[in-house]
Amino acid sequence: MTGAVQLPLNLERLPPDVREQLRRIYEVPTTGTEAYLEVDRVYLGDARDLLKRIRPNSVALSVWSPPYFVGKSYEKDLSFEEWQDLLATVIRLHFPIIKPGGFLAINIADILTFKDPTMPRVQAEVISARKINLTREQILAVKEKYPHFNRYDLARYFGVSEQTIDRRLHGNNVRGGKYATQTRVKLVGGLIEQWGSEAGFYLYDRRIWVKDPAWKNSRWVSMSYRSVDEFEYIYIFWKPGITRVDRRKLSKQEWKEWGSRAVWYIPSVRANDDHEAKFPLDLPRRLIRLLTEPGDIVLDCFLGSGTTAVAALLEDRHFIGIEIVPKYVELAKRNIAHALAEKARGAYHAASS
């Protein structure tokens, strides 16, 4: 059997090569015995297992933010290879379940402190952070005056450590002594594009989310010329099929301010007290309003605190949520219940800012 889908086009009327290409995409083999996941529910489990239980060609939009490989508690045991396999597998498992013409949106950031053991461990000489105002020239002047001075004599003369004398003279600023690994920036966009393409998707669009500067996570800015962490990406993939484009779903002002804009200015969540990596409600809400219609199914397979599900409900869409951490499943359920109660009493407005 195949996973049937109602198409707005007659495959038999298309050119043979296009017909066969689309038939392979739309007709997903099934056994007819699967117990598909129900909508408007949160499921505890691994996305790599539960995505296989979602009805084929049913999800209008999947929007999620995966582990970023930056050392959060829920990802600290993942190696870089395991992280890559996780994301590539999850993206691949999305292709059968996204409906033709539907979208997969991934919110992710570059890895700004990617450990690279091949990178030389020489670190910068941070002049502005020096606690001791001692230059190489001053040391050389004393050595010329006292040629017999070794570095220990020089250290006593200047009242500093012999390591300071050695660093000033030879510039041997070795990061972390013998064992610490240097870090560099690792771009993830190419990896995400590759995995999406291999799954059968086409990169449709990309947006940049400008958030609040994350000074706490950007300690390198005081020790280098690197910039503060203050933006992330949203990569939007398309599954071949007819996409219904209706510009009436947003007001003219909304199209002007964010619907047609590549850069989205959305404040960060002010307090990550119950989950350490929440994205703001307006981020999935904009994607849902832009890329889906009322009654559509929205999926988040890294649900976390439930923000995507809340956004879907507020915009009169159905949701499916998957989360692997039990305490976050309970948190998401509480947040969804609270949102439903607030919506029922009219506390939420229909439009997204």
Protein backbone atom coordinates (compact mmCIF):
# COMPACT_ATOMS: atom_id res chain seq x y z
CA MET A 1 0.00 0.00 0.00
CA THR A 2 0.97 3.65 -0.24
CA GLY A 3 0.37 6.69 1.92
CA ALA A 4 -2.39 8.36 -0.09
CA VAL A 5 -2.57 12.13 -0.44
CA GLN A 6 -5.16 14.27 -2.20
CA LEU A 7 -3.32 16.18 -4.90
CA PRO A 8 -4.42 19.43 -6.55
CA LEU A 9 -3.08 18.11 -9.85
CA ASN A 10 -3.56 15.06 -12.03
CA LEU A 11 -0.25 13.20 -12.24
CA GLU A 12 -1.35 11.38 -15.37
CA ARG A 13 -1.63 14.69 -17.25
CA LEU A 14 1.99 15.60 -16.60
CA PRO A 15 5.00 14.80 -18.82
CA PRO A 16 6.24 11.25 -18.13
CA ASP A 17 9.53 12.28 -16.48
CA VAL A 18 7.80 14.78 -14.16
CA ARG A 19 4.99 12.30 -13.44
CA GLU A 20 7.37 9.59 -12.29
CA GLN A 21 9.49 12.00 -10.28
CA LEU A 22 6.46 13.27 -8.36
CA ARG A 23 4.93 9.83 -7.97
CA ARG A 24 8.05 8.67 -6.10
CA ILE A 25 7.72 11.67 -3.80
CA TYR A 26 4.00 11.49 -3.09
CA GLU A 27 3.40 7.77 -2.83
CA VAL A 28 5.07 6.62 0.40
CA PRO A 29 5.01 2.83 0.95
CA THR A 30 3.20 1.75 4.12
CA THR A 31 1.97 -1.54 5.53
CA GLY A 32 -1.44 -0.21 6.45
CA THR A 33 -1.01 -1.31 10.06
CA GLU A 34 0.82 1.68 11.56
CA ALA A 35 -0.60 3.41 14.59
CA TYR A 36 -0.02 6.99 13.54
CA LEU A 37 0.62 9.67 16.14
CA GLU A 38 -2.44 11.73 16.99
CA VAL A 39 -2.42 15.48 16.58
CA ASP A 40 -2.52 18.01 19.42
CA ARG A 41 -0.45 15.79 21.67
CA VAL A 42 3.06 15.82 23.12
CA TYR A 43 5.03 12.58 22.88
CA LEU A 44 7.96 11.48 25.02
CA GLY A 45 10.67 9.80 23.00
CA ASP A 46 13.47 10.04 20.46
CA ALA A 47 12.56 11.88 17.26
CA ARG A 48 14.40 9.22 15.26
CA ASP A 49 11.85 6.67 16.46
CA LEU A 50 8.66 8.71 16.60
CA LEU A 51 8.97 10.51 13.25
CA LYS A 52 8.44 7.12 11.59
CA ARG A 53 4.97 6.98 13.19
CA ILE A 54 3.64 10.21 11.68
CA ARG A 55 1.17 9.84 8.81
CA PRO A 56 2.92 10.31 5.43
CA ASN A 57 2.30 13.54 3.52
CA SER A 58 0.42 15.11 6.42
CA VAL A 59 2.60 17.82 8.01
CA ALA A 60 2.34 21.29 6.48
CA LEU A 61 5.27 22.71 8.43
CA SER A 62 7.88 21.28 10.75
CA VAL A 63 9.70 23.98 12.69
CA TRP A 64 12.28 23.19 15.31
CA SER A 65 15.57 24.15 16.87
CA PRO A 66 17.91 21.19 17.40
CA PRO A 67 20.87 20.90 19.77
CA TYR A 68 23.51 23.39 18.59
CA PHE A 69 26.55 21.42 19.77
CA VAL A 70 27.57 24.18 22.15
CA GLY A 71 27.67 22.18 25.40
CA LYS A 72 24.14 22.49 26.76
CA SER A 73 23.23 19.90 29.39
CA TYR A 74 20.95 17.94 27.04
CA GLU A 75 23.72 17.58 24.43
CA LYS A 76 26.90 17.38 26.49
CA ASP A 77 27.36 13.65 25.84
CA LEU A 78 27.12 14.00 22.04
CA SER A 79 30.32 13.84 19.98
CA PHE A 80 30.46 16.01 16.86
CA GLU A 81 29.99 12.91 14.71
CA GLU A 82 26.95 11.83 16.76
CA TRP A 83 25.51 15.34 16.52
CA GLN A 84 25.86 15.29 12.74
CA ASP A 85 24.23 11.87 12.51
CA LEU A 86 21.33 13.01 14.71
CA LEU A 87 20.50 16.03 12.55
CA ALA A 88 21.04 14.25 9.22
CA THR A 89 18.77 11.37 10.32
CA VAL A 90 16.02 13.65 11.63
CA ILE A 91 16.02 15.70 8.42
CA ARG A 92 15.88 12.54 6.29
CA LEU A 93 12.95 11.16 8.29
CA HIS A 94 10.99 14.37 7.60
CA PHE A 95 10.74 13.93 3.87
CA PRO A 96 8.01 11.23 3.86
CA ILE A 97 5.82 13.07 6.37
CA ILE A 98 5.91 16.64 4.98
CA LYS A 99 3.01 17.10 2.60
CA PRO A 100 3.73 18.04 -1.04
CA GLY A 101 4.40 21.77 -1.21
CA GLY A 102 5.04 21.85 2.54
CA PHE A 103 8.04 23.14 4.48
CA LEU A 104 10.72 22.21 6.98
CA ALA A 105 12.15 25.17 8.94
CA ILE A 106 15.27 24.71 11.06
CA ASN A 107 16.44 27.36 13.52
CA ILE A 108 20.13 26.96 14.29
CA ALA A 109 23.32 28.95 14.88
CA ASP A 110 26.92 28.50 13.86
CA ILE A 111 29.22 26.82 16.37
CA LEU A 112 31.26 29.78 17.58
CA THR A 113 33.64 27.83 19.83
CA PHE A 114 34.23 24.71 17.76
CA LYS A 115 37.10 22.67 19.22
CA ASP A 116 39.76 21.90 16.64
CA PRO A 117 42.74 19.80 17.81
CA THR A 118 44.61 20.60 14.56
CA MET A 119 44.61 24.32 15.29
CA PRO A 120 47.91 25.61 16.79
CA ARG A 121 47.53 26.36 20.50
CA VAL A 122 49.24 29.75 20.28
CA GLN A 123 46.87 32.34 21.69
CA ALA A 124 46.62 36.07 21.29
CA GLU A 125 48.65 38.50 23.31
CA VAL A 126 45.88 40.57 24.84
CA ILE A 127 47.56 43.87 25.60
CA SER A 128 44.45 45.53 27.00
CA ALA A 129 43.96 42.74 29.53
CA ARG A 130 47.47 42.79 30.93
CA LYS A 131 47.62 43.05 34.68
CA ILE A 132 51.34 43.82 34.51
CA ASN A 133 52.44 46.75 32.37
CA LEU A 134 55.74 45.27 31.26
CA THR A 135 57.02 45.30 27.69
CA ARG A 136 59.63 43.27 25.85
CA GLU A 137 61.61 46.41 25.23
CA GLN A 138 61.87 47.13 28.97
CA ILE A 139 63.20 43.63 29.62
CA LEU A 140 65.72 43.87 26.80
CA ALA A 141 66.95 47.19 28.17
CA VAL A 142 67.63 45.60 31.58
CA LYS A 143 69.31 42.59 29.94
CA GLU A 144 71.62 44.94 28.08
CA LYS A 145 72.52 46.64 31.33
CA TYR A 146 72.91 43.33 33.23
CA PRO A 147 73.97 40.72 30.62
CA HIS A 148 74.42 38.00 33.25
CA PHE A 149 70.74 38.16 34.33
CA ASN A 150 68.73 35.03 33.61
CA ARG A 151 64.93 35.00 33.57
CA TYR A 152 64.75 34.39 37.31
CA ASP A 153 66.95 37.42 37.97
CA LEU A 154 64.80 39.46 35.60
CA ALA A 155 61.66 38.24 37.37
CA ARG A 156 63.01 39.40 40.74
CA TYR A 157 64.10 42.72 39.23
CA PHE A 158 60.64 43.50 37.85
CA GLY A 159 58.69 41.79 40.62
CA VAL A 160 56.90 39.40 38.27
CA SER A 161 56.92 35.66 37.58
CA GLU A 162 59.53 34.03 35.37
CA GLN A 163 56.64 32.87 33.11
CA THR A 164 55.78 36.53 32.47
CA ILE A 165 59.39 37.26 31.55
CA ASP A 166 59.43 34.26 29.21
CA ARG A 167 56.14 35.22 27.50
CA ARG A 168 57.22 38.83 27.00
CA LEU A 169 60.59 37.83 25.57
CA HIS A 170 59.54 34.94 23.34
CA GLY A 171 55.83 35.45 22.70
CA ASN A 172 55.12 31.84 23.64
CA ASN A 173 51.51 32.30 24.73
CA VAL A 174 50.39 28.69 24.67
CA ARG A 175 46.67 28.19 25.24
CA GLY A 176 45.88 26.04 28.25
CA GLY A 177 49.40 24.74 28.65
CA LYS A 178 50.00 21.45 26.87
CA TYR A 179 46.54 19.95 26.54
CA ALA A 180 43.72 22.47 25.89
CA THR A 181 42.26 22.54 22.38
CA GLN A 182 41.92 25.77 20.44
CA THR A 183 38.48 26.87 19.24
CA ARG A 184 37.31 28.41 16.01
CA VAL A 185 34.06 29.21 14.21
CA LYS A 186 32.29 26.30 12.46
CA LEU A 187 29.61 27.24 9.89
CA VAL A 188 26.63 24.87 9.93
CA GLY A 189 24.63 26.16 6.97
CA GLY A 190 26.48 24.01 4.47
CA LEU A 191 25.87 20.90 6.54
CA ILE A 192 22.16 21.65 6.92
CA GLU A 193 21.81 22.33 3.18
CA GLN A 194 23.61 19.09 2.34
CA TRP A 195 21.47 16.96 4.63
CA GLY A 196 18.28 18.59 3.35
CA SER A 197 19.28 18.04 -0.26
CA GLU A 198 20.20 14.42 0.38
CA ALA A 199 16.76 13.88 1.94
CA GLY A 200 15.00 15.22 -1.18
CA PHE A 201 14.24 18.77 -0.03
CA TYR A 202 15.18 21.99 -1.78
CA LEU A 203 16.45 25.01 0.13
CA TYR A 204 13.60 27.49 -0.36
CA ASP A 205 14.62 30.44 1.79
CA ARG A 206 16.71 31.55 4.73
CA ARG A 207 16.05 34.18 7.35
CA ILE A 208 18.29 35.72 9.97
CA TRP A 209 16.94 36.10 13.49
CA VAL A 210 18.63 39.05 15.24
CA LYS A 211 18.32 38.43 18.97
CA ASP A 212 19.64 40.17 22.05
CA PRO A 213 23.45 40.16 22.31
CA ALA A 214 24.44 37.04 24.28
CA TRP A 215 27.30 38.59 26.23
CA LYS A 216 27.36 35.80 28.79
CA ASN A 217 28.00 33.22 26.07
CA SER A 218 30.52 35.43 24.26
CA ARG A 219 33.41 35.60 26.69
CA TRP A 220 35.82 35.52 23.75
CA VAL A 221 34.99 39.12 22.81
CA SER A 222 37.19 40.49 25.58
CA MET A 223 40.13 38.31 24.52
CA SER A 224 39.99 38.62 20.72
CA TYR A 225 38.54 40.58 17.81
CA ARG A 226 35.57 38.22 17.55
CA SER A 227 32.05 39.65 17.68
CA VAL A 228 29.37 39.04 20.27
CA ASP A 229 26.81 36.31 19.58
CA GLU A 230 23.63 38.10 18.48
CA PHE A 231 22.00 36.28 15.54
CA GLU A 232 20.88 32.85 14.37
CA TYR A 233 19.59 31.38 11.11
CA ILE A 234 16.31 29.89 9.95
CA TYR A 235 16.75 27.55 6.99
CA ILE A 236 13.50 26.81 5.16
CA PHE A 237 13.28 23.68 2.98
CA TRP A 238 10.54 22.87 0.47
CA LYS A 239 9.12 19.50 -0.52
CA PRO A 240 8.17 19.49 -4.22
CA GLY A 241 4.48 20.09 -4.74
CA ILE A 242 2.03 22.93 -5.21
CA THR A 243 2.46 25.58 -2.54
CA ARG A 244 -0.55 27.80 -1.97
CA VAL A 245 0.62 31.44 -1.91
CA ASP A 246 -1.89 33.89 -0.44
CA ARG A 247 -0.52 37.30 0.47
CA ARG A 248 -3.82 38.19 2.11
CA LYS A 249 -2.89 36.11 5.14
CA LEU A 250 -0.76 39.02 6.38
CA SER A 251 -1.52 42.70 6.46
CA LYS A 252 0.42 45.07 4.20
CA GLN A 253 2.26 46.36 7.24
CA GLU A 254 3.24 42.82 8.29
CA TRP A 255 4.53 42.04 4.81
CA LYS A 256 6.56 45.23 4.94
CA GLU A 257 7.94 44.71 8.43
CA TRP A 258 8.75 41.00 8.39
CA GLY A 259 6.85 38.88 5.86
CA SER A 260 9.10 39.87 2.96
CA ARG A 261 12.17 40.71 5.04
CA ALA A 262 15.18 38.40 5.35
CA VAL A 263 16.20 39.81 8.74
CA TRP A 264 13.86 39.37 11.68
CA TYR A 265 14.42 41.46 14.82
CA ILE A 266 12.86 39.48 17.68
CA PRO A 267 13.90 39.96 21.32
CA SER A 268 15.29 36.90 23.06
CA VAL A 269 13.44 35.12 25.85
CA ARG A 270 14.23 37.13 28.96
CA ALA A 271 14.47 34.22 31.40
CA ASN A 272 15.54 30.67 30.53
CA ASP A 273 14.78 29.56 34.06
CA ASP A 274 12.85 26.39 33.22
CA HIS A 275 14.62 25.51 29.94
CA GLU A 276 18.11 26.64 28.96
CA ALA A 277 17.49 27.22 25.25
CA LYS A 278 14.02 28.64 24.57
CA PHE A 279 13.26 30.60 21.43
CA PRO A 280 10.70 33.43 21.53
CA LEU A 281 7.07 32.71 20.70
CA ASP A 282 7.09 35.12 17.79
CA LEU A 283 9.70 33.11 15.88
CA PRO A 284 7.61 29.96 15.22
CA ARG A 285 4.44 32.05 15.13
CA ARG A 286 5.70 34.06 12.16
CA LEU A 287 6.72 30.90 10.31
CA ILE A 288 3.34 29.30 11.02
CA ARG A 289 1.40 32.33 9.80
CA LEU A 290 3.61 32.69 6.74
CA LEU A 291 3.83 29.06 5.58
CA THR A 292 0.60 27.34 6.73
CA GLU A 293 -3.17 27.70 6.75
CA PRO A 294 -5.67 27.33 9.62
CA GLY A 295 -6.27 23.65 10.35
CA ASP A 296 -2.84 22.55 9.09
CA ILE A 297 -0.54 20.32 11.14
CA VAL A 298 2.63 21.84 12.58
CA LEU A 299 5.38 19.57 13.95
CA ASP A 300 8.21 20.20 16.39
CA CYS A 301 10.39 17.15 17.07
CA PHE A 302 12.64 18.98 19.56
CA LEU A 303 9.73 20.53 21.42
CA GLY A 304 11.51 21.66 24.58
CA SER A 305 9.23 23.97 26.57
CA GLY A 306 6.44 23.74 23.97
CA THR A 307 6.76 27.11 22.26
CA THR A 308 6.00 25.83 18.74
CA ALA A 309 2.90 23.96 19.93
CA VAL A 310 1.66 27.07 21.73
CA ALA A 311 2.22 29.15 18.59
CA ALA A 312 0.32 26.59 16.48
CA LEU A 313 -2.67 26.58 18.81
CA LEU A 314 -2.79 30.37 18.97
CA GLU A 315 -2.97 30.46 15.17
CA ASP A 316 -5.67 27.76 14.96
CA ARG A 317 -3.37 25.03 13.69
CA HIS A 318 -2.93 21.48 14.97
CA PHE A 319 0.40 20.36 16.40
CA ILE A 320 2.48 17.27 17.08
CA GLY A 321 5.25 17.63 19.64
CA ILE A 322 8.15 15.25 20.32
CA GLU A 323 10.57 15.68 23.21
CA ILE A 324 13.14 13.27 24.64
CA VAL A 325 13.56 14.80 28.12
CA PRO A 326 10.71 13.82 30.51
CA LYS A 327 10.74 17.04 32.54
CA TYR A 328 10.44 19.11 29.37
CA VAL A 329 7.49 17.01 28.21
CA GLU A 330 5.68 17.95 31.42
CA LEU A 331 6.77 21.59 31.05
CA ALA A 332 5.46 21.70 27.47
CA LYS A 333 2.13 20.23 28.53
CA ARG A 334 1.75 22.85 31.25
CA ASN A 335 2.61 25.67 28.87
CA ILE A 336 0.15 24.36 26.27
CA ALA A 337 -2.63 24.05 28.85
CA HIS A 338 -1.93 27.60 30.05
CA ALA A 339 -2.01 28.94 26.48
CA LEU A 340 -5.31 27.23 25.78
CA ALA A 341 -6.82 28.72 28.92
CA GLU A 342 -5.50 32.19 28.07
CA LYS A 343 -6.78 31.92 24.51
CA ALA A 344 -10.20 30.82 25.72
CA ARG A 345 -10.56 33.98 27.80
CA GLY A 346 -9.28 36.16 24.97
CA ALA A 347 -5.90 37.03 26.46
CA TYR A 348 -4.01 36.33 23.22
CA HIS A 349 -4.59 38.37 20.09
CA ALA A 350 -4.74 36.56 16.77
CA ALA A 351 -2.09 38.55 14.99
CA SER A 352 1.65 38.18 15.53
CA SER A 353 3.77 41.28 15.91
